[in-house]
């Protein structure tokens, strides 16, 4: 533990529940306030007589209630509903059958059997912090590796692709998926109004409205980094990579809409409960981390751009190569301190890992860390769940809730800048050659050349089993039947371009449904509201 000189505190120690210094009569379990005052009466505020009124100088009450009023921080705009667990990542020392050093110098991968502590947060994406975990939605799969070179955050989803390829559209996408700003009701027409103008989303829509849109729980689902990254070796040579988490012993399970509704009637926190209880009983979930590797160029032989996050890389041409496994074996001690305050960012990379030119990745890299500073605070990286498990020394100072100063041993407290000849911090030595990609192009606002928005959506549709296709069509029709004709027709056109049978089945089912009838939100939501008005038992007032 840092002493008072190394952390910039001018008094000895920092207090806390483990501090052995106590007032007379205190024991280890004595209740105090945040100022360290022992509390002798935690049942009654001070009043004039036992009936009141109360007095303003009720310091313990004011401190207690004012902290309670501030117990919640701003909710995540997306990924608000989540659960998490601690564990470790164990490297294989190879990528497939080759030495991993051929492709990356990242230290956590180099040695077979080497273990790196991790914390994983699973989440739903669109809905709020207390929404049911059975809703149709992608699932977040974010992993924080506490490596010897500092933190690496691998931030992704359970599905391997995404709705959009340009970050400029992300706020529009989320707004359309969230409740109507007037009624505060979820409305499929808003979502499909956006999607009808976003043909590249057809592939992701095909996944989300199939059973893959509702994983059975967090343990039995895949994970993916979604975006394309780079690996860099000691010579500064780079390759393109995609990351994938594949469940090992627990397998993969998805839910039909009917199954999800049956679960939701009994438990809207089923996935959180399932994860916590599995870890508690020692049934530790495991995933294998696999990568797909491509040379770092444009690959004109492909009919899509490998940087396009709406596309899959064909596993037969670009196989999944195992690089290690992850085991989650410890539950959080406090949900808020660890799961809620855990802060991830796609820009959090260590030496040997790098960004690709994927536009969506570049947009996420600014947005993720920016929102953590707003949501958790300027010094969010000083919180134990986010702090790297290694030496930290910076020239960053102050800001809200500064917990300590990142000052190195021997660093002058007067020098918070670099360069300096007066006992300041110095730059680290390079661990390998820099990766220096070259560019020669105009600065433009243009979409990529090889959009090919529908081919992979059709391939995915045809790979589904019959029951998965049936579920997909039924779920799409249930959502599209409340949409106006131009939206329905545009989506049918997209599905037809993906696969003629796909479009025909949606069109035929929509023609049979009560399409276009007025609803606020989905048909099932209207049915629920109608049921509530007819059900229940009358009673007199009291």
Protein backbone atom coordinates (compact mmCIF):
# COMPACT_ATOMS: atom_id res chain seq x y z
CA UNK A 1 0.00 0.00 0.00
CA UNK A 2 1.22 3.51 -0.78
CA UNK A 3 2.44 5.54 2.18
CA UNK A 4 1.44 9.13 2.78
CA UNK A 5 4.32 10.45 0.66
CA UNK A 6 3.77 8.29 -2.42
CA UNK A 7 0.07 9.03 -2.73
CA UNK A 8 0.28 12.76 -2.08
CA UNK A 9 -1.63 12.75 1.23
CA UNK A 10 -0.16 14.93 3.96
CA UNK A 11 -1.58 12.94 6.90
CA UNK A 12 -0.80 9.37 7.89
CA UNK A 13 -3.16 6.75 6.56
CA UNK A 14 -6.53 7.14 4.90
CA UNK A 15 -8.95 5.66 7.46
CA UNK A 16 -11.55 3.13 6.45
CA UNK A 17 -13.12 -0.01 7.86
CA UNK A 18 -9.76 -1.79 8.28
CA UNK A 19 -8.01 1.06 10.14
CA UNK A 20 -7.10 -0.13 13.67
CA UNK A 21 -7.22 3.33 15.24
CA UNK A 22 -10.43 3.61 17.30
CA UNK A 23 -12.03 5.89 19.87
CA UNK A 24 -12.41 4.64 23.45
CA UNK A 25 -15.06 1.91 23.61
CA UNK A 26 -15.09 1.26 19.84
CA UNK A 27 -14.75 -2.27 18.47
CA UNK A 28 -14.32 -3.39 14.88
CA UNK A 29 -18.06 -3.47 14.18
CA UNK A 30 -18.96 -0.13 15.78
CA UNK A 31 -21.14 2.02 13.52
CA UNK A 32 -19.65 5.40 12.57
CA UNK A 33 -20.46 8.12 10.09
CA UNK A 34 -18.17 9.06 7.19
CA UNK A 35 -16.31 11.48 9.46
CA UNK A 36 -15.43 8.59 11.80
CA UNK A 37 -17.85 9.69 14.53
CA UNK A 38 -19.22 6.71 16.54
CA UNK A 39 -23.03 6.63 16.26
CA UNK A 40 -24.81 5.94 19.54
CA UNK A 41 -28.41 6.25 18.27
CA UNK A 42 -29.23 5.26 14.71
CA UNK A 43 -32.98 4.96 15.35
CA UNK A 44 -34.15 8.46 16.26
CA UNK A 45 -33.48 11.97 14.97
CA UNK A 46 -33.20 14.85 17.47
CA UNK A 47 -36.57 16.52 18.10
CA UNK A 48 -38.16 18.98 20.50
CA UNK A 49 -39.93 16.39 22.62
CA UNK A 50 -40.56 12.93 21.24
CA UNK A 51 -43.31 14.18 18.85
CA UNK A 52 -41.17 16.86 17.17
CA UNK A 53 -40.55 19.16 15.46
CA UNK A 54 -37.04 18.22 14.41
CA UNK A 55 -34.10 20.59 14.47
CA UNK A 56 -31.80 21.63 11.66
CA UNK A 57 -28.59 20.55 13.36
CA UNK A 58 -29.36 16.81 12.98
CA UNK A 59 -25.90 16.24 11.51
CA UNK A 60 -26.01 12.44 11.42
CA UNK A 61 -29.46 12.43 9.79
CA UNK A 62 -28.51 15.13 7.25
CA UNK A 63 -25.31 13.30 6.29
CA UNK A 64 -27.14 9.98 6.03
CA UNK A 65 -30.11 11.22 3.99
CA UNK A 66 -28.08 13.54 1.75
CA UNK A 67 -25.76 10.66 0.84
CA UNK A 68 -28.79 8.46 0.22
CA UNK A 69 -30.18 11.13 -2.12
CA UNK A 70 -26.97 10.81 -4.16
CA UNK A 71 -26.50 7.04 -4.10
CA UNK A 72 -27.05 6.68 -7.82
CA UNK A 73 -24.82 7.98 -10.57
CA UNK A 74 -26.10 8.73 -14.09
CA UNK A 75 -27.29 5.55 -15.74
CA UNK A 76 -25.42 4.32 -18.78
CA UNK A 77 -27.12 5.59 -21.94
CA UNK A 78 -26.69 2.09 -23.35
CA UNK A 79 -25.73 -1.13 -21.53
CA UNK A 80 -27.50 0.13 -18.37
CA UNK A 81 -28.68 -3.30 -17.19
CA UNK A 82 -25.77 -5.54 -16.30
CA UNK A 83 -24.14 -8.23 -14.17
CA UNK A 84 -20.51 -9.12 -13.67
CA UNK A 85 -17.90 -11.45 -12.22
CA UNK A 86 -14.15 -11.68 -11.62
CA UNK A 87 -11.82 -14.35 -12.95
CA UNK A 88 -8.69 -14.94 -14.96
CA UNK A 89 -7.51 -15.34 -18.52
CA UNK A 90 -5.01 -18.14 -19.18
CA UNK A 91 -2.89 -17.85 -22.32
CA UNK A 92 -2.00 -20.78 -24.57
CA UNK A 93 1.22 -19.13 -25.81
CA UNK A 94 0.15 -19.86 -29.37
CA UNK A 95 -2.37 -18.65 -31.92
CA UNK A 96 -3.68 -21.88 -33.33
CA UNK A 97 -0.51 -23.92 -33.86
CA UNK A 98 1.84 -20.97 -34.34
CA UNK A 99 3.85 -18.99 -31.76
CA UNK A 100 1.75 -15.95 -30.87
CA UNK A 101 4.86 -13.73 -31.00
CA UNK A 102 4.77 -13.99 -34.78
CA UNK A 103 1.70 -11.74 -34.75
CA UNK A 104 1.71 -9.75 -31.49
CA UNK A 105 4.14 -8.73 -28.79
CA UNK A 106 1.33 -8.23 -26.22
CA UNK A 107 2.79 -9.79 -23.06
CA UNK A 108 -0.38 -11.43 -21.74
CA UNK A 109 -0.45 -13.87 -24.72
CA UNK A 110 3.20 -14.93 -24.86
CA UNK A 111 3.62 -17.64 -22.22
CA UNK A 112 1.53 -20.81 -22.04
CA UNK A 113 -0.27 -21.01 -18.70
CA UNK A 114 0.21 -17.35 -17.87
CA UNK A 115 -2.81 -15.98 -16.00
CA UNK A 116 -4.10 -12.41 -16.14
CA UNK A 117 -6.86 -11.22 -13.76
CA UNK A 118 -10.08 -10.13 -15.49
CA UNK A 119 -13.42 -8.57 -14.68
CA UNK A 120 -16.34 -9.15 -17.06
CA UNK A 121 -19.56 -7.15 -17.29
CA UNK A 122 -22.48 -8.61 -19.23
CA UNK A 123 -25.43 -6.41 -20.14
CA UNK A 124 -28.45 -5.73 -22.26
CA UNK A 125 -27.96 -2.76 -24.57
CA UNK A 126 -30.96 -0.54 -25.22
CA UNK A 127 -33.17 -0.71 -22.15
CA UNK A 128 -32.87 0.82 -18.68
CA UNK A 129 -31.19 -0.36 -15.51
CA UNK A 130 -34.21 -2.27 -14.14
CA UNK A 131 -35.57 -3.61 -17.42
CA UNK A 132 -36.24 -7.35 -17.81
CA UNK A 133 -33.31 -9.45 -18.98
CA UNK A 134 -35.63 -11.30 -21.35
CA UNK A 135 -36.10 -8.43 -23.81
CA UNK A 136 -35.04 -8.81 -27.44
CA UNK A 137 -31.76 -6.96 -27.58
CA UNK A 138 -28.05 -7.53 -28.22
CA UNK A 139 -26.08 -8.40 -25.09
CA UNK A 140 -22.91 -6.62 -24.06
CA UNK A 141 -19.79 -8.69 -23.26
CA UNK A 142 -17.05 -6.40 -21.88
CA UNK A 143 -13.80 -7.79 -20.45
CA UNK A 144 -11.19 -5.84 -18.50
CA UNK A 145 -7.77 -7.52 -18.48
CA UNK A 146 -5.51 -6.26 -15.67
CA UNK A 147 -2.22 -6.94 -17.52
CA UNK A 148 1.33 -6.23 -16.45
CA UNK A 149 1.42 -3.45 -19.07
CA UNK A 150 -1.80 -1.88 -17.74
CA UNK A 151 -5.45 -2.45 -18.54
CA UNK A 152 -6.82 -3.84 -21.79
CA UNK A 153 -10.57 -3.53 -22.35
CA UNK A 154 -12.15 -5.82 -24.92
CA UNK A 155 -15.60 -4.28 -25.32
CA UNK A 156 -18.09 -6.16 -27.46
CA UNK A 157 -21.44 -7.92 -27.79
CA UNK A 158 -22.76 -11.45 -27.97
CA UNK A 159 -23.40 -11.03 -31.70
CA UNK A 160 -20.45 -10.70 -34.05
CA UNK A 161 -21.79 -7.83 -36.17
CA UNK A 162 -23.60 -4.52 -35.68
CA UNK A 163 -26.44 -2.41 -37.14
CA UNK A 164 -24.36 0.47 -38.54
CA UNK A 165 -20.87 1.07 -39.90
CA UNK A 166 -20.55 4.83 -39.37
CA UNK A 167 -20.41 6.27 -35.81
CA UNK A 168 -22.27 9.41 -36.93
CA UNK A 169 -25.46 7.32 -36.93
CA UNK A 170 -25.09 5.87 -33.43
CA UNK A 171 -27.16 8.53 -31.58
CA UNK A 172 -29.91 8.25 -34.21
CA UNK A 173 -29.95 4.48 -33.94
CA UNK A 174 -30.23 4.47 -30.15
CA UNK A 175 -32.87 7.21 -30.15
CA UNK A 176 -35.02 5.18 -32.55
CA UNK A 177 -34.68 2.04 -30.41
CA UNK A 178 -35.56 3.83 -27.15
CA UNK A 179 -39.10 4.80 -26.02
CA UNK A 180 -41.04 7.52 -27.82
CA UNK A 181 -40.07 10.90 -26.30
CA UNK A 182 -43.77 11.88 -26.07
CA UNK A 183 -45.48 8.70 -24.86
CA UNK A 184 -42.43 7.03 -23.21
CA UNK A 185 -43.57 3.76 -24.80
CA UNK A 186 -41.44 1.42 -26.89
CA UNK A 187 -42.64 1.56 -30.48
CA UNK A 188 -41.40 -0.85 -33.18
CA UNK A 189 -42.39 1.65 -35.85
CA UNK A 190 -39.73 4.08 -34.61
CA UNK A 191 -37.07 1.37 -34.81
CA UNK A 192 -38.07 0.20 -38.28
CA UNK A 193 -38.47 3.77 -39.51
CA UNK A 194 -34.73 4.16 -38.85
CA UNK A 195 -33.84 0.68 -40.13
CA UNK A 196 -35.77 1.26 -43.36
CA UNK A 197 -33.22 3.92 -44.22
CA UNK A 198 -30.28 1.77 -43.09
CA UNK A 199 -29.92 -1.17 -45.48
CA UNK A 200 -26.64 -2.34 -43.92
CA UNK A 201 -28.63 -3.21 -40.76
CA UNK A 202 -30.48 -6.05 -42.52
CA UNK A 203 -27.92 -8.63 -41.40
CA UNK A 204 -28.11 -7.57 -37.75
CA UNK A 205 -31.93 -7.42 -37.88
CA UNK A 206 -31.90 -11.01 -39.11
CA UNK A 207 -29.94 -12.07 -36.03
CA UNK A 208 -31.75 -9.92 -33.46
CA UNK A 209 -35.27 -11.01 -34.48
CA UNK A 210 -34.24 -14.66 -34.55
CA UNK A 211 -33.71 -16.63 -31.29
CA UNK A 212 -30.18 -15.20 -31.26
CA UNK A 213 -31.78 -11.95 -30.13
CA UNK A 214 -32.58 -13.42 -26.69
CA UNK A 215 -29.73 -15.48 -25.20
CA UNK A 216 -30.92 -17.86 -22.48
CA UNK A 217 -28.54 -16.27 -19.98
CA UNK A 218 -25.11 -14.65 -19.81
CA UNK A 219 -23.17 -17.90 -19.27
CA UNK A 220 -24.49 -19.66 -22.35
CA UNK A 221 -23.79 -17.04 -24.98
CA UNK A 222 -20.91 -16.12 -27.24
CA UNK A 223 -19.03 -12.85 -27.19
CA UNK A 224 -17.26 -10.84 -29.86
CA UNK A 225 -15.19 -7.69 -30.13
CA UNK A 226 -17.40 -6.89 -33.20
CA UNK A 227 -14.94 -4.35 -34.63
CA UNK A 228 -11.68 -5.14 -36.42
CA UNK A 229 -8.48 -4.48 -34.46
CA UNK A 230 -4.78 -5.00 -35.18
CA UNK A 231 -2.07 -7.11 -33.64
CA UNK A 232 1.49 -5.72 -33.84
CA UNK A 233 4.66 -7.79 -33.42
CA UNK A 234 8.13 -6.77 -32.23
CA UNK A 235 9.10 -5.65 -35.75
CA UNK A 236 6.14 -3.27 -35.99
CA UNK A 237 4.36 -5.53 -38.49
CA UNK A 238 0.58 -5.63 -38.15
CA UNK A 239 -2.29 -7.95 -39.03
CA UNK A 240 -6.04 -7.39 -38.81
CA UNK A 241 -7.80 -9.40 -36.10
CA UNK A 242 -11.31 -10.09 -34.84
CA UNK A 243 -11.87 -11.41 -31.30
CA UNK A 244 -14.44 -14.05 -30.37
CA UNK A 245 -15.40 -15.61 -27.01
CA UNK A 246 -16.72 -19.16 -27.43
CA UNK A 247 -18.36 -20.92 -24.43
CA UNK A 248 -16.48 -24.06 -23.44
CA UNK A 249 -18.32 -26.41 -21.07
CA UNK A 250 -21.63 -24.55 -20.77
CA UNK A 251 -22.58 -24.40 -24.47
CA UNK A 252 -24.87 -21.91 -26.23
CA UNK A 253 -28.64 -21.56 -25.67
CA UNK A 254 -31.17 -19.07 -27.05
CA UNK A 255 -34.83 -18.43 -26.22
CA UNK A 256 -37.94 -18.24 -28.34
CA UNK A 257 -40.21 -15.26 -27.73
CA UNK A 258 -42.72 -17.49 -25.92
CA UNK A 259 -40.05 -18.93 -23.65
CA UNK A 260 -38.76 -15.45 -22.85
CA UNK A 261 -42.25 -14.26 -21.92
CA UNK A 262 -42.75 -17.28 -19.67
CA UNK A 263 -39.48 -16.55 -17.86
CA UNK A 264 -40.26 -12.84 -17.60
CA UNK A 265 -43.55 -13.63 -15.83
CA UNK A 266 -41.54 -15.20 -13.01
CA UNK A 267 -38.18 -13.41 -12.94
CA UNK A 268 -36.97 -10.30 -14.76
CA UNK A 269 -33.42 -10.72 -13.36
CA UNK A 270 -32.98 -14.32 -14.40
CA UNK A 271 -29.62 -13.87 -16.15
CA UNK A 272 -28.09 -11.97 -13.22
CA UNK A 273 -29.31 -14.64 -10.81
CA UNK A 274 -28.09 -17.46 -13.03
CA UNK A 275 -24.57 -16.01 -13.28
CA UNK A 276 -24.26 -15.22 -9.57
CA UNK A 277 -25.53 -18.62 -8.41
CA UNK A 278 -23.37 -20.55 -10.89
CA UNK A 279 -20.21 -18.84 -9.62
CA UNK A 280 -21.34 -19.20 -5.99
CA UNK A 281 -21.79 -22.96 -6.31
CA UNK A 282 -18.45 -23.41 -8.06
CA UNK A 283 -19.83 -24.05 -11.55
CA UNK A 284 -17.42 -21.53 -13.04
CA UNK A 285 -18.29 -20.50 -16.62
CA UNK A 286 -15.47 -20.69 -19.17
CA UNK A 287 -14.91 -19.19 -22.60
CA UNK A 288 -12.14 -19.73 -25.15
CA UNK A 289 -10.76 -16.59 -26.77
CA UNK A 290 -10.31 -17.09 -30.50
CA UNK A 291 -9.04 -14.71 -33.14
CA UNK A 292 -9.44 -14.49 -36.89
CA UNK A 293 -6.43 -13.06 -38.70
CA UNK A 294 -6.17 -11.23 -42.02
CA UNK A 295 -3.26 -9.40 -43.60
CA UNK A 296 -3.41 -5.63 -43.10
CA UNK A 297 -4.65 -4.51 -46.52
CA UNK A 298 -7.91 -3.83 -48.34
CA UNK A 299 -8.44 -7.40 -49.63
CA UNK A 300 -9.95 -6.63 -53.05
CA UNK A 301 -10.61 -10.37 -53.54
CA UNK A 302 -13.45 -10.14 -50.98
CA UNK A 303 -16.92 -8.89 -51.87
CA UNK A 304 -17.02 -6.83 -48.67
CA UNK A 305 -14.65 -4.57 -46.77
CA UNK A 306 -13.01 -6.48 -43.88
CA UNK A 307 -13.30 -3.33 -41.72
CA UNK A 308 -17.11 -3.30 -42.13
CA UNK A 309 -18.65 -4.21 -38.72
CA UNK A 310 -21.91 -5.31 -40.36
CA UNK A 311 -20.10 -8.29 -41.92
CA UNK A 312 -18.84 -11.66 -40.72
CA UNK A 313 -15.48 -13.07 -41.75
CA UNK A 314 -16.19 -16.54 -43.13
CA UNK A 315 -14.88 -19.10 -40.62
CA UNK A 316 -14.03 -21.58 -43.37
CA UNK A 317 -11.70 -19.10 -45.06
CA UNK A 318 -10.53 -17.38 -41.88
CA UNK A 319 -10.72 -19.96 -39.08
CA UNK A 320 -11.11 -19.28 -35.38
CA UNK A 321 -7.64 -19.66 -33.82
CA UNK A 322 -7.60 -20.26 -30.03
CA UNK A 323 -5.24 -18.07 -27.97
CA UNK A 324 -6.41 -18.73 -24.40
CA UNK A 325 -9.35 -19.34 -22.11
CA UNK A 326 -11.18 -17.31 -19.48
CA UNK A 327 -12.68 -18.60 -16.23
CA UNK A 328 -15.02 -16.55 -14.03
CA UNK A 329 -14.65 -17.77 -10.45
CA UNK A 330 -15.52 -14.93 -8.06
CA UNK A 331 -18.62 -12.82 -7.57
CA UNK A 332 -18.46 -9.09 -6.80
CA UNK A 333 -18.56 -8.13 -3.13
CA UNK A 334 -20.66 -5.06 -3.91
CA UNK A 335 -22.73 -4.64 -7.05
CA UNK A 336 -22.54 -0.85 -7.23
CA UNK A 337 -18.82 -0.50 -6.46
CA UNK A 338 -17.80 -3.12 -8.99
CA UNK A 339 -20.46 -3.82 -11.62
CA UNK A 340 -22.11 -0.40 -11.83
CA UNK A 341 -18.92 1.65 -11.57
CA UNK A 342 -16.90 -0.60 -13.88
CA UNK A 343 -15.86 1.58 -16.81
CA UNK A 344 -14.72 0.23 -20.16
CA UNK A 345 -13.38 1.80 -23.33
CA UNK A 346 -12.44 0.50 -26.78
CA UNK A 347 -9.36 2.75 -26.73
CA UNK A 348 -7.87 0.95 -23.71
CA UNK A 349 -5.18 -1.14 -25.45
CA UNK A 350 -1.75 -2.36 -24.36
CA UNK A 351 1.52 -2.58 -26.30
CA UNK A 352 1.15 -5.10 -29.15
CA UNK A 353 -2.54 -4.28 -29.71
CA UNK A 354 -3.70 -1.47 -31.98
CA UNK A 355 -6.67 0.11 -33.74
CA UNK A 356 -7.74 -0.63 -37.27
CA UNK A 357 -9.25 2.02 -39.53
CA UNK A 358 -12.77 0.76 -38.80
CA UNK A 359 -14.83 3.98 -38.63
CA UNK A 360 -17.21 2.66 -35.99
CA UNK A 361 -14.32 1.60 -33.77
CA UNK A 362 -12.75 5.04 -34.01
CA UNK A 363 -16.03 6.67 -33.02
CA UNK A 364 -16.52 4.28 -30.09
CA UNK A 365 -12.99 4.96 -28.89
CA UNK A 366 -13.82 8.59 -28.15
CA UNK A 367 -17.35 7.99 -26.91
CA UNK A 368 -16.74 5.23 -24.36
CA UNK A 369 -14.09 6.94 -22.25
CA UNK A 370 -15.83 10.29 -22.58
CA UNK A 371 -19.06 8.92 -21.13
CA UNK A 372 -17.20 7.32 -18.20
CA UNK A 373 -15.79 10.70 -17.19
CA UNK A 374 -19.33 12.11 -17.26
CA UNK A 375 -21.01 9.13 -15.60
CA UNK A 376 -18.53 8.04 -12.94
CA UNK A 377 -16.30 11.12 -12.69
CA UNK A 378 -13.04 12.64 -13.79
CA UNK A 379 -11.02 10.27 -11.61
CA UNK A 380 -12.93 7.08 -12.46
CA UNK A 381 -9.63 5.28 -13.09
CA UNK A 382 -8.70 5.64 -9.40
CA UNK A 383 -11.62 3.43 -8.34
CA UNK A 384 -10.40 -0.09 -7.43
CA UNK A 385 -12.50 -1.84 -10.10
CA UNK A 386 -11.03 0.36 -12.85
CA UNK A 387 -7.50 0.98 -11.56
CA UNK A 388 -4.73 -1.06 -13.24
CA UNK A 389 -3.03 -3.63 -11.02
CA UNK A 390 0.40 -2.06 -11.51
CA UNK A 391 2.48 1.07 -11.03
CA UNK A 392 0.78 4.31 -12.12
CA UNK A 393 2.53 7.68 -12.32
CA UNK A 394 0.99 10.56 -14.25
CA UNK A 395 1.03 14.34 -14.41
CA UNK A 396 -2.75 14.47 -14.32
CA UNK A 397 -3.99 16.27 -11.24
CA UNK A 398 -7.09 17.35 -9.37
CA UNK A 399 -10.69 17.08 -10.61
CA UNK A 400 -13.78 15.91 -8.79
CA UNK A 401 -13.22 13.20 -6.18
CA UNK A 402 -9.43 13.01 -6.43
CA UNK A 403 -8.66 10.02 -4.24
CA UNK A 404 -4.88 10.25 -4.34
CA UNK A 405 -2.14 11.75 -6.51
CA UNK A 406 -0.51 9.51 -9.14
CA UNK A 407 2.96 10.54 -8.03
CA UNK A 408 5.97 8.29 -8.39
CA UNK A 409 8.44 7.60 -5.62
CA UNK A 410 11.16 10.24 -5.92
CA UNK A 411 9.05 12.50 -8.15
CA UNK A 412 9.06 16.11 -7.02
CA UNK A 413 5.57 17.17 -5.83
CA UNK A 414 6.25 20.53 -7.51
CA UNK A 415 6.68 19.00 -10.99
CA UNK A 416 3.43 17.97 -12.70
CA UNK A 417 4.66 18.37 -16.26
CA UNK A 418 7.09 16.76 -18.71
CA UNK A 419 9.86 17.29 -19.81
CA UNK A 420 11.64 18.43 -16.68
CA UNK A 421 15.17 18.42 -15.30
CA UNK A 422 13.84 18.69 -11.73
CA UNK A 423 12.91 15.15 -10.65
CA UNK A 424 9.92 14.77 -12.97
CA UNK A 425 8.58 11.73 -14.78
CA UNK A 426 10.37 10.36 -17.85
CA UNK A 427 9.17 8.51 -20.93
CA UNK A 428 9.27 4.72 -21.11
CA UNK A 429 11.52 2.85 -23.51
CA UNK A 430 9.82 1.38 -26.57
CA UNK A 431 9.12 -2.36 -26.40
CA UNK A 432 9.32 -2.84 -30.15
CA UNK A 433 9.21 -1.01 -33.44
CA UNK A 434 6.29 1.34 -34.04
CA UNK A 435 3.58 0.24 -36.43
CA UNK A 436 3.44 3.02 -39.04
CA UNK A 437 0.63 2.53 -41.58
CA UNK A 438 0.84 4.79 -44.64
CA UNK A 439 -2.10 6.71 -46.15
CA UNK A 440 -2.62 8.57 -49.40
CA UNK A 441 -6.21 9.61 -50.00
CA UNK A 442 -8.44 12.66 -50.01
CA UNK A 443 -10.31 13.70 -46.87
CA UNK A 444 -13.93 12.91 -47.76
CA UNK A 445 -17.42 12.15 -46.42
CA UNK A 446 -18.25 8.91 -48.22
CA UNK A 447 -19.49 5.43 -47.43
CA UNK A 448 -17.19 2.48 -48.15
CA UNK A 449 -17.10 1.11 -51.70
CA UNK A 450 -18.10 -2.53 -51.04
CA UNK A 451 -21.34 -2.19 -49.07
CA UNK A 452 -22.94 -5.50 -50.19
CA UNK A 453 -25.69 -4.96 -47.63
CA UNK A 454 -27.80 -8.08 -48.22
CA UNK A 455 -25.68 -11.08 -49.25
CA UNK A 456 -24.57 -12.14 -45.76
CA UNK A 457 -28.07 -11.55 -44.36
CA UNK A 458 -29.35 -14.10 -46.89
CA UNK A 459 -26.58 -16.55 -46.05
CA UNK A 460 -27.38 -16.24 -42.35
CA UNK A 461 -31.11 -16.79 -43.05
CA UNK A 462 -30.36 -19.96 -45.03
CA UNK A 463 -28.04 -21.31 -42.31
CA UNK A 464 -30.74 -21.04 -39.65
CA UNK A 465 -32.62 -24.18 -38.72
CA UNK A 466 -36.31 -24.35 -39.68
CA UNK A 467 -37.51 -23.42 -36.19
CA UNK A 468 -35.13 -20.45 -36.12
CA UNK A 469 -36.48 -19.19 -39.46
CA UNK A 470 -40.06 -19.65 -38.23
CA UNK A 471 -39.27 -17.69 -35.08
CA UNK A 472 -37.55 -14.94 -37.08
CA UNK A 473 -40.53 -14.47 -39.40
CA UNK A 474 -43.03 -14.46 -36.54
CA UNK A 475 -41.06 -11.90 -34.54
CA UNK A 476 -40.58 -9.61 -37.53
CA UNK A 477 -44.26 -9.72 -38.45
CA UNK A 478 -45.30 -8.96 -34.87
CA UNK A 479 -43.14 -5.82 -34.95
CA UNK A 480 -43.78 -4.72 -38.55
CA UNK A 481 -47.56 -5.03 -38.44
CA UNK A 482 -47.81 -1.78 -36.43
CA UNK A 483 -45.63 0.05 -38.96
CA UNK A 484 -47.04 2.15 -41.78
CA UNK A 485 -47.02 0.68 -45.32
CA UNK A 486 -43.92 2.50 -46.66
CA UNK A 487 -41.82 1.15 -43.79
CA UNK A 488 -43.19 -2.39 -44.14
CA UNK A 489 -42.59 -2.38 -47.89
CA UNK A 490 -39.01 -1.10 -47.56
CA UNK A 491 -38.14 -3.82 -45.04
CA UNK A 492 -39.79 -6.52 -47.20
CA UNK A 493 -37.65 -5.29 -50.11
CA UNK A 494 -34.49 -5.62 -48.00
CA UNK A 495 -35.41 -9.14 -46.87
CA UNK A 496 -36.20 -10.13 -50.47
CA UNK A 497 -32.80 -8.90 -51.66
CA UNK A 498 -31.24 -11.01 -48.92
CA UNK A 499 -33.25 -14.10 -49.87
CA UNK A 500 -36.46 -14.29 -51.97
CA UNK A 501 -38.08 -16.79 -49.60
CA UNK A 502 -37.23 -14.55 -46.63
CA UNK A 503 -39.02 -11.55 -48.13
CA UNK A 504 -41.95 -13.60 -49.42
CA UNK A 505 -42.66 -15.18 -46.03
CA UNK A 506 -42.62 -11.83 -44.23
CA UNK A 507 -44.90 -10.29 -46.88
CA UNK A 508 -47.39 -13.17 -46.78
CA UNK A 509 -47.60 -13.20 -42.99
CA UNK A 510 -48.03 -9.44 -42.88
CA UNK A 511 -50.86 -9.65 -45.39
CA UNK A 512 -52.63 -12.14 -43.11
CA UNK A 513 -52.03 -10.08 -39.97
CA UNK A 514 -54.04 -7.10 -38.81
CA UNK A 515 -51.42 -4.81 -40.31
CA UNK A 516 -51.74 -1.09 -39.93
CA UNK A 517 -54.19 -1.13 -37.02
CA UNK A 518 -53.62 1.77 -34.60
CA UNK A 519 -51.49 0.92 -31.60
CA UNK A 520 -49.25 2.75 -29.22
CA UNK A 521 -46.27 0.43 -29.38
CA UNK A 522 -46.45 -3.24 -30.32
CA UNK A 523 -49.55 -5.41 -30.65
CA UNK A 524 -48.52 -7.50 -27.63
CA UNK A 525 -48.02 -4.33 -25.56
CA UNK A 526 -51.54 -3.19 -26.48
CA UNK A 527 -52.89 -6.61 -25.57
CA UNK A 528 -51.21 -6.34 -22.18
CA UNK A 529 -52.75 -2.95 -21.53
CA UNK A 530 -56.19 -4.25 -22.55
CA UNK A 531 -55.85 -7.29 -20.30
CA UNK A 532 -54.95 -5.12 -17.33
CA UNK A 533 -58.06 -2.99 -17.84
CA UNK A 534 -60.29 -6.10 -17.91
CA UNK A 535 -58.60 -8.15 -15.20
CA UNK A 536 -58.21 -7.53 -11.49
CA UNK A 537 -60.69 -7.52 -8.61
CA UNK A 538 -62.80 -4.51 -7.70
CA UNK A 539 -62.58 -3.22 -4.18
CA UNK A 540 -63.89 -0.34 -2.11
CA UNK A 541 -61.57 2.50 -1.21
CA UNK A 542 -60.21 2.86 2.30
